[in-house]
C-alpha atoms as a PDB file:
ATOM      1  CA  GLN A   1      67.276 -65.762  54.669  1.00  0.00           C
ATOM      2  CA  VAL A   2      63.704 -64.767  53.886  1.00  0.00           C
ATOM      3  CA  GLN A   3      63.004 -63.797  50.311  1.00  0.00           C
ATOM      4  CA  LEU A   4      59.752 -62.601  48.788  1.00  0.00           C
ATOM      5  CA  VAL A   5      59.480 -62.399  45.024  1.00  0.00           C
ATOM      6  CA  GLU A   6      56.514 -60.694  43.410  1.00  0.00           C
ATOM      7  CA  SER A   7      55.440 -61.154  39.809  1.00  0.00           C
ATOM      8  CA  GLY A   8      52.540 -60.409  37.508  1.00  0.00           C
ATOM      9  CA  GLY A   9      52.605 -56.643  37.280  1.00  0.00           C
ATOM     10  CA  GLY A  10      52.413 -54.752  34.017  1.00  0.00           C
ATOM     11  CA  LEU A  11      50.443 -52.357  31.867  1.00  0.00           C
ATOM     12  CA  VAL A  12      46.721 -52.933  31.450  1.00  0.00           C
ATOM     13  CA  GLN A  13      43.836 -50.912  30.076  1.00  0.00           C
ATOM     14  CA  PRO A  14      41.062 -49.652  32.360  1.00  0.00           C
ATOM     15  CA  GLY A  15      38.587 -52.434  32.993  1.00  0.00           C
ATOM     16  CA  GLY A  16      41.238 -55.088  32.514  1.00  0.00           C
ATOM     17  CA  SER A  17      42.623 -57.685  34.900  1.00  0.00           C
ATOM     18  CA  LEU A  18      45.960 -58.688  36.351  1.00  0.00           C
ATOM     19  CA  ARG A  19      47.021 -61.374  38.771  1.00  0.00           C
ATOM     20  CA  LEU A  20      49.902 -60.686  41.134  1.00  0.00           C
ATOM     21  CA  SER A  21      51.775 -63.484  42.826  1.00  0.00           C
ATOM     22  CA  CYS A  22      54.252 -63.513  45.682  1.00  0.00           C
ATOM     23  CA  ALA A  23      56.423 -66.478  46.530  1.00  0.00           C
ATOM     24  CA  ALA A  24      58.216 -66.603  49.861  1.00  0.00           C
ATOM     25  CA  SER A  25      61.255 -68.715  50.612  1.00  0.00           C
ATOM     26  CA  GLY A  26      63.446 -69.208  53.653  1.00  0.00           C
ATOM     27  CA  ILE A  27      60.424 -69.235  55.950  1.00  0.00           C
ATOM     28  CA  SER A  28      61.178 -70.855  59.288  1.00  0.00           C
ATOM     29  CA  PHE A  29      58.661 -69.089  61.463  1.00  0.00           C
ATOM     30  CA  SER A  30      54.920 -68.941  61.918  1.00  0.00           C
ATOM     31  CA  MET A  31      53.127 -66.433  59.764  1.00  0.00           C
ATOM     32  CA  SER A  32      50.088 -64.614  61.049  1.00  0.00           C
ATOM     33  CA  ALA A  33      49.079 -63.009  57.759  1.00  0.00           C
ATOM     34  CA  MET A  34      50.113 -62.304  54.200  1.00  0.00           C
ATOM     35  CA  GLU A  35      49.348 -58.858  52.866  1.00  0.00           C
ATOM     36  CA  TRP A  36      49.371 -56.766  49.722  1.00  0.00           C
ATOM     37  CA  TYR A  37      50.179 -53.077  49.918  1.00  0.00           C
ATOM     38  CA  ARG A  38      50.509 -50.490  47.210  1.00  0.00           C
ATOM     39  CA  GLN A  39      52.182 -47.136  46.877  1.00  0.00           C
ATOM     40  CA  ALA A  40      51.303 -44.610  44.210  1.00  0.00           C
ATOM     41  CA  PRO A  41      53.655 -41.738  43.338  1.00  0.00           C
ATOM     42  CA  GLY A  42      53.516 -39.040  45.985  1.00  0.00           C
ATOM     43  CA  LYS A  43      51.284 -41.098  48.254  1.00  0.00           C
ATOM     44  CA  GLN A  44      51.783 -43.192  51.354  1.00  0.00           C
ATOM     45  CA  ARG A  45      51.889 -46.950  51.162  1.00  0.00           C
ATOM     46  CA  GLU A  46      48.425 -48.342  51.825  1.00  0.00           C
ATOM     47  CA  LEU A  47      47.122 -51.771  52.744  1.00  0.00           C
ATOM     48  CA  VAL A  48      45.133 -53.272  49.889  1.00  0.00           C
ATOM     49  CA  ALA A  49      44.218 -56.686  51.268  1.00  0.00           C
ATOM     50  CA  TYR A  50      45.318 -59.310  53.723  1.00  0.00           C
ATOM     51  CA  ILE A  51      44.660 -62.962  54.423  1.00  0.00           C
ATOM     52  CA  THR A  52      45.342 -64.636  57.741  1.00  0.00           C
ATOM     53  CA  ARG A  53      46.798 -68.107  58.089  1.00  0.00           C
ATOM     54  CA  ARG A  54      43.289 -69.272  58.930  1.00  0.00           C
ATOM     55  CA  GLY A  55      41.979 -67.839  55.660  1.00  0.00           C
ATOM     56  CA  SER A  56      40.185 -64.740  56.868  1.00  0.00           C
ATOM     57  CA  THR A  57      40.418 -61.881  54.409  1.00  0.00           C
ATOM     58  CA  ASN A  58      39.968 -58.139  54.482  1.00  0.00           C
ATOM     59  CA  TYR A  59      40.098 -55.472  51.768  1.00  0.00           C
ATOM     60  CA  ALA A  60      40.461 -51.760  51.447  1.00  0.00           C
ATOM     61  CA  ASP A  61      37.144 -50.146  50.572  1.00  0.00           C
ATOM     62  CA  SER A  62      38.586 -48.927  47.279  1.00  0.00           C
ATOM     63  CA  VAL A  63      39.134 -52.481  46.000  1.00  0.00           C
ATOM     64  CA  LYS A  64      36.253 -54.421  47.547  1.00  0.00           C
ATOM     65  CA  GLY A  65      34.374 -56.419  44.970  1.00  0.00           C
ATOM     66  CA  ARG A  66      37.190 -56.070  42.435  1.00  0.00           C
ATOM     67  CA  PHE A  67      40.238 -57.668  44.058  1.00  0.00           C
ATOM     68  CA  THR A  68      40.536 -61.126  45.564  1.00  0.00           C
ATOM     69  CA  ILE A  69      43.407 -62.304  47.757  1.00  0.00           C
ATOM     70  CA  SER A  70      44.266 -65.967  48.122  1.00  0.00           C
ATOM     71  CA  SER A  71      47.112 -67.982  49.565  1.00  0.00           C
ATOM     72  CA  ASP A  72      48.645 -71.412  49.569  1.00  0.00           C
ATOM     73  CA  ASN A  73      50.147 -71.899  53.003  1.00  0.00           C
ATOM     74  CA  ALA A  74      51.896 -75.111  52.021  1.00  0.00           C
ATOM     75  CA  LYS A  75      53.749 -73.307  49.230  1.00  0.00           C
ATOM     76  CA  ASN A  76      54.098 -69.971  51.051  1.00  0.00           C
ATOM     77  CA  THR A  77      52.511 -68.067  48.201  1.00  0.00           C
ATOM     78  CA  VAL A  78      49.939 -65.302  48.118  1.00  0.00           C
ATOM     79  CA  SER A  79      48.128 -63.983  45.074  1.00  0.00           C
ATOM     80  CA  LEU A  80      46.022 -60.950  44.288  1.00  0.00           C
ATOM     81  CA  GLN A  81      43.503 -61.207  41.474  1.00  0.00           C
ATOM     82  CA  MET A  82      42.667 -57.703  40.302  1.00  0.00           C
ATOM     83  CA  ASN A  83      39.640 -57.172  38.084  1.00  0.00           C
ATOM     84  CA  SER A  84      37.928 -54.076  36.726  1.00  0.00           C
ATOM     85  CA  LEU A  85      41.134 -52.133  37.123  1.00  0.00           C
ATOM     86  CA  LYS A  86      41.003 -48.355  37.265  1.00  0.00           C
ATOM     87  CA  PRO A  87      43.674 -45.733  36.585  1.00  0.00           C
ATOM     88  CA  GLU A  88      43.725 -44.988  40.313  1.00  0.00           C
ATOM     89  CA  ASP A  89      44.923 -48.546  40.935  1.00  0.00           C
ATOM     90  CA  THR A  90      48.235 -47.579  39.345  1.00  0.00           C
ATOM     91  CA  ALA A  91      50.966 -48.129  41.919  1.00  0.00           C
ATOM     92  CA  VAL A  92      53.847 -50.311  42.961  1.00  0.00           C
ATOM     93  CA  TYR A  93      52.382 -53.343  44.708  1.00  0.00           C
ATOM     94  CA  TYR A  94      54.250 -55.018  47.559  1.00  0.00           C
ATOM     95  CA  CYS A  95      53.614 -58.242  49.364  1.00  0.00           C
ATOM     96  CA  ASN A  96      54.359 -58.488  53.048  1.00  0.00           C
ATOM     97  CA  ILE A  97      54.534 -61.371  55.453  1.00  0.00           C
ATOM     98  CA  LYS A  98      53.585 -60.605  59.015  1.00  0.00           C
ATOM     99  CA  THR A  99      54.885 -63.043  61.572  1.00  0.00           C
ATOM    100  CA  VAL A 100      53.303 -64.150  64.810  1.00  0.00           C
ATOM    101  CA  ALA A 101      56.172 -62.363  66.594  1.00  0.00           C
ATOM    102  CA  GLY A 102      55.201 -59.099  64.904  1.00  0.00           C
ATOM    103  CA  ASN A 103      57.966 -58.885  62.298  1.00  0.00           C
ATOM    104  CA  ASN A 104      57.438 -57.915  58.674  1.00  0.00           C
ATOM    105  CA  TYR A 105      59.165 -59.143  55.547  1.00  0.00           C
ATOM    106  CA  TRP A 106      58.685 -57.209  52.308  1.00  0.00           C
ATOM    107  CA  GLY A 107      59.023 -58.034  48.651  1.00  0.00           C
ATOM    108  CA  GLN A 108      60.735 -55.732  46.173  1.00  0.00           C
ATOM    109  CA  GLY A 109      57.489 -54.577  44.581  1.00  0.00           C
ATOM    110  CA  THR A 110      55.914 -54.929  41.167  1.00  0.00           C
ATOM    111  CA  GLN A 111      54.604 -52.060  39.055  1.00  0.00           C
ATOM    112  CA  VAL A 112      50.963 -52.010  38.007  1.00  0.00           C
ATOM    113  CA  THR A 113      49.968 -49.357  35.489  1.00  0.00           C
ATOM    114  CA  VAL A 114      46.368 -48.906  34.396  1.00  0.00           C
ATOM    115  CA  SER A 115      46.170 -46.670  31.367  1.00  0.00           C
ATOM    116  CA  SER A 116      44.625 -46.475  27.947  1.00  0.00           C
END
């Protein structure tokens, strides 16, 4: 059974930093990418960043230059370093594993709140 567990969320002041981590277990398939999404209240879930198994990365325009995604394929973990946080970054953040077969496995989400 695939399980994704996110950690690292919390309350931070504007301009601060947080590091989210996602650990996957029960993986018995080939992953094509690991992704971070977020969903703010009243808004659709949006893709924040992804990293392919080859290490290619991509970011939403709203977080470019502030967020950095990284992964450890051997440990099946993906992290999201978030710097210069803004109130508009407030959301529940989810990690997702996309398989080569096109399936998706989601974590339970971790709350990030940016507020003074």
